[in-house]
């Protein structure tokens, strides 16, 4: 959901570098694409993964911290799409609360 603030294993602070990590990955991908367009004959040479380079630049040397950054899936935007009260509006929330109160009183 939301990037953890600290590494689960070693406790190193990682949450403050998530946005920079994403920005650097995009920049590296654009640079790689530009280089591939300029030198198409170099496609056969193996190149280091952009994730490795970005993690090295950010100072993530431990495998546990690297794992936290590589495997995190940022789902908060997708989860926010299911907020029914935001979609239906505050009035619908008030009606639902009143219905729930009436049902509990009847029981």
Protein backbone atom coordinates (compact mmCIF):
# COMPACT_ATOMS: atom_id res chain seq x y z
CA UNK A 1 0.00 0.00 0.00
CA UNK A 2 2.19 2.81 1.26
CA UNK A 3 5.95 2.42 1.20
CA UNK A 4 7.17 1.31 4.64
CA UNK A 5 9.10 3.98 6.52
CA UNK A 6 11.82 1.59 7.66
CA UNK A 7 13.26 -1.64 6.35
CA UNK A 8 11.59 -4.59 8.09
CA UNK A 9 14.89 -6.40 8.63
CA UNK A 10 17.51 -3.84 9.53
CA UNK A 11 15.46 -0.76 10.41
CA UNK A 12 17.15 1.60 7.94
CA UNK A 13 15.06 4.60 6.91
CA UNK A 14 13.82 3.99 3.35
CA UNK A 15 10.42 5.69 3.04
CA UNK A 16 11.86 9.11 2.35
CA UNK A 17 13.62 7.88 -0.79
CA UNK A 18 10.65 6.30 -2.60
CA UNK A 19 9.76 9.32 -4.76
CA UNK A 20 13.39 9.94 -5.67
CA UNK A 21 13.75 6.24 -6.54
CA UNK A 22 10.81 6.43 -8.96
CA UNK A 23 12.10 9.64 -10.54
CA UNK A 24 15.57 8.21 -11.02
CA UNK A 25 14.16 5.02 -12.55
CA UNK A 26 12.18 7.05 -15.08
CA UNK A 27 15.23 9.12 -15.92
CA UNK A 28 17.39 6.00 -16.39
CA UNK A 29 14.75 4.38 -18.60
CA UNK A 30 14.57 7.49 -20.79
CA UNK A 31 18.36 7.62 -21.06
CA UNK A 32 18.45 3.93 -21.99
CA UNK A 33 15.77 4.40 -24.64
CA UNK A 34 17.61 7.38 -26.10
CA UNK A 35 20.88 5.44 -26.18
CA UNK A 36 19.17 2.48 -27.88
CA UNK A 37 17.79 4.79 -30.57
CA UNK A 38 21.18 6.43 -31.17
CA UNK A 39 23.20 3.21 -31.19
CA UNK A 40 21.00 0.30 -32.34
CA UNK A 41 24.04 -1.93 -32.93
CA UNK A 42 24.83 -1.96 -29.17
CA UNK A 43 21.64 -3.88 -28.29
CA UNK A 44 23.53 -7.17 -28.18
CA UNK A 45 25.75 -6.04 -25.30
CA UNK A 46 24.40 -6.83 -21.83
CA UNK A 47 23.71 -3.71 -19.78
CA UNK A 48 23.25 -3.40 -16.04
CA UNK A 49 19.66 -3.13 -14.89
CA UNK A 50 18.60 0.46 -14.20
CA UNK A 51 17.25 -0.63 -10.81
CA UNK A 52 20.72 -1.74 -9.73
CA UNK A 53 22.27 1.57 -10.71
CA UNK A 54 19.54 3.62 -9.01
CA UNK A 55 19.72 1.60 -5.79
CA UNK A 56 23.49 2.00 -5.74
CA UNK A 57 23.17 5.77 -6.23
CA UNK A 58 20.64 6.02 -3.40
CA UNK A 59 22.95 4.14 -1.05
CA UNK A 60 20.98 0.92 -0.61
CA UNK A 61 23.76 -1.62 -0.18
CA UNK A 62 22.02 -4.21 1.99
CA UNK A 63 19.93 -6.81 0.20
CA UNK A 64 17.07 -6.38 2.67
CA UNK A 65 16.66 -2.68 1.87
CA UNK A 66 17.01 -3.34 -1.84
CA UNK A 67 14.28 -5.96 -1.54
CA UNK A 68 11.98 -3.46 0.15
CA UNK A 69 12.36 -0.98 -2.70
CA UNK A 70 12.24 -3.49 -5.55
CA UNK A 71 9.24 -5.49 -4.39
CA UNK A 72 7.03 -2.67 -3.12
CA UNK A 73 3.82 -2.18 -5.09
CA UNK A 74 2.23 1.22 -4.57
CA UNK A 75 -1.48 0.43 -4.51
CA UNK A 76 -2.77 3.45 -2.61
CA UNK A 77 -4.11 5.14 -5.76
CA UNK A 78 -5.98 2.00 -6.78
CA UNK A 79 -7.42 1.48 -3.31
CA UNK A 80 -8.65 5.07 -3.21
CA UNK A 81 -10.88 4.25 -6.20
CA UNK A 82 -12.95 2.03 -3.91
CA UNK A 83 -13.78 4.72 -1.37
CA UNK A 84 -17.56 4.56 -1.70
CA UNK A 85 -18.23 7.62 0.41
CA UNK A 86 -16.01 9.78 -1.75
CA UNK A 87 -17.82 8.62 -4.89
CA UNK A 88 -21.37 8.89 -3.58
CA UNK A 89 -20.80 12.01 -1.57
CA UNK A 90 -21.21 12.94 2.05
CA UNK A 91 -25.03 12.94 1.87
CA UNK A 92 -25.11 9.26 1.03
CA UNK A 93 -22.86 8.60 4.03
CA UNK A 94 -25.29 10.39 6.32
CA UNK A 95 -28.21 8.34 4.93
CA UNK A 96 -26.29 5.09 5.46
CA UNK A 97 -25.49 6.06 9.05
CA UNK A 98 -29.14 6.82 9.74
CA UNK A 99 -30.22 3.47 8.23
CA UNK A 100 -27.67 1.61 10.36
CA UNK A 101 -28.86 3.38 13.50
CA UNK A 102 -32.51 2.54 12.71
CA UNK A 103 -31.65 -1.14 12.15
CA UNK A 104 -29.76 -1.38 15.43
CA UNK A 105 -32.66 0.24 17.30
CA UNK A 106 -35.15 -2.20 15.74
CA UNK A 107 -33.07 -5.18 16.83
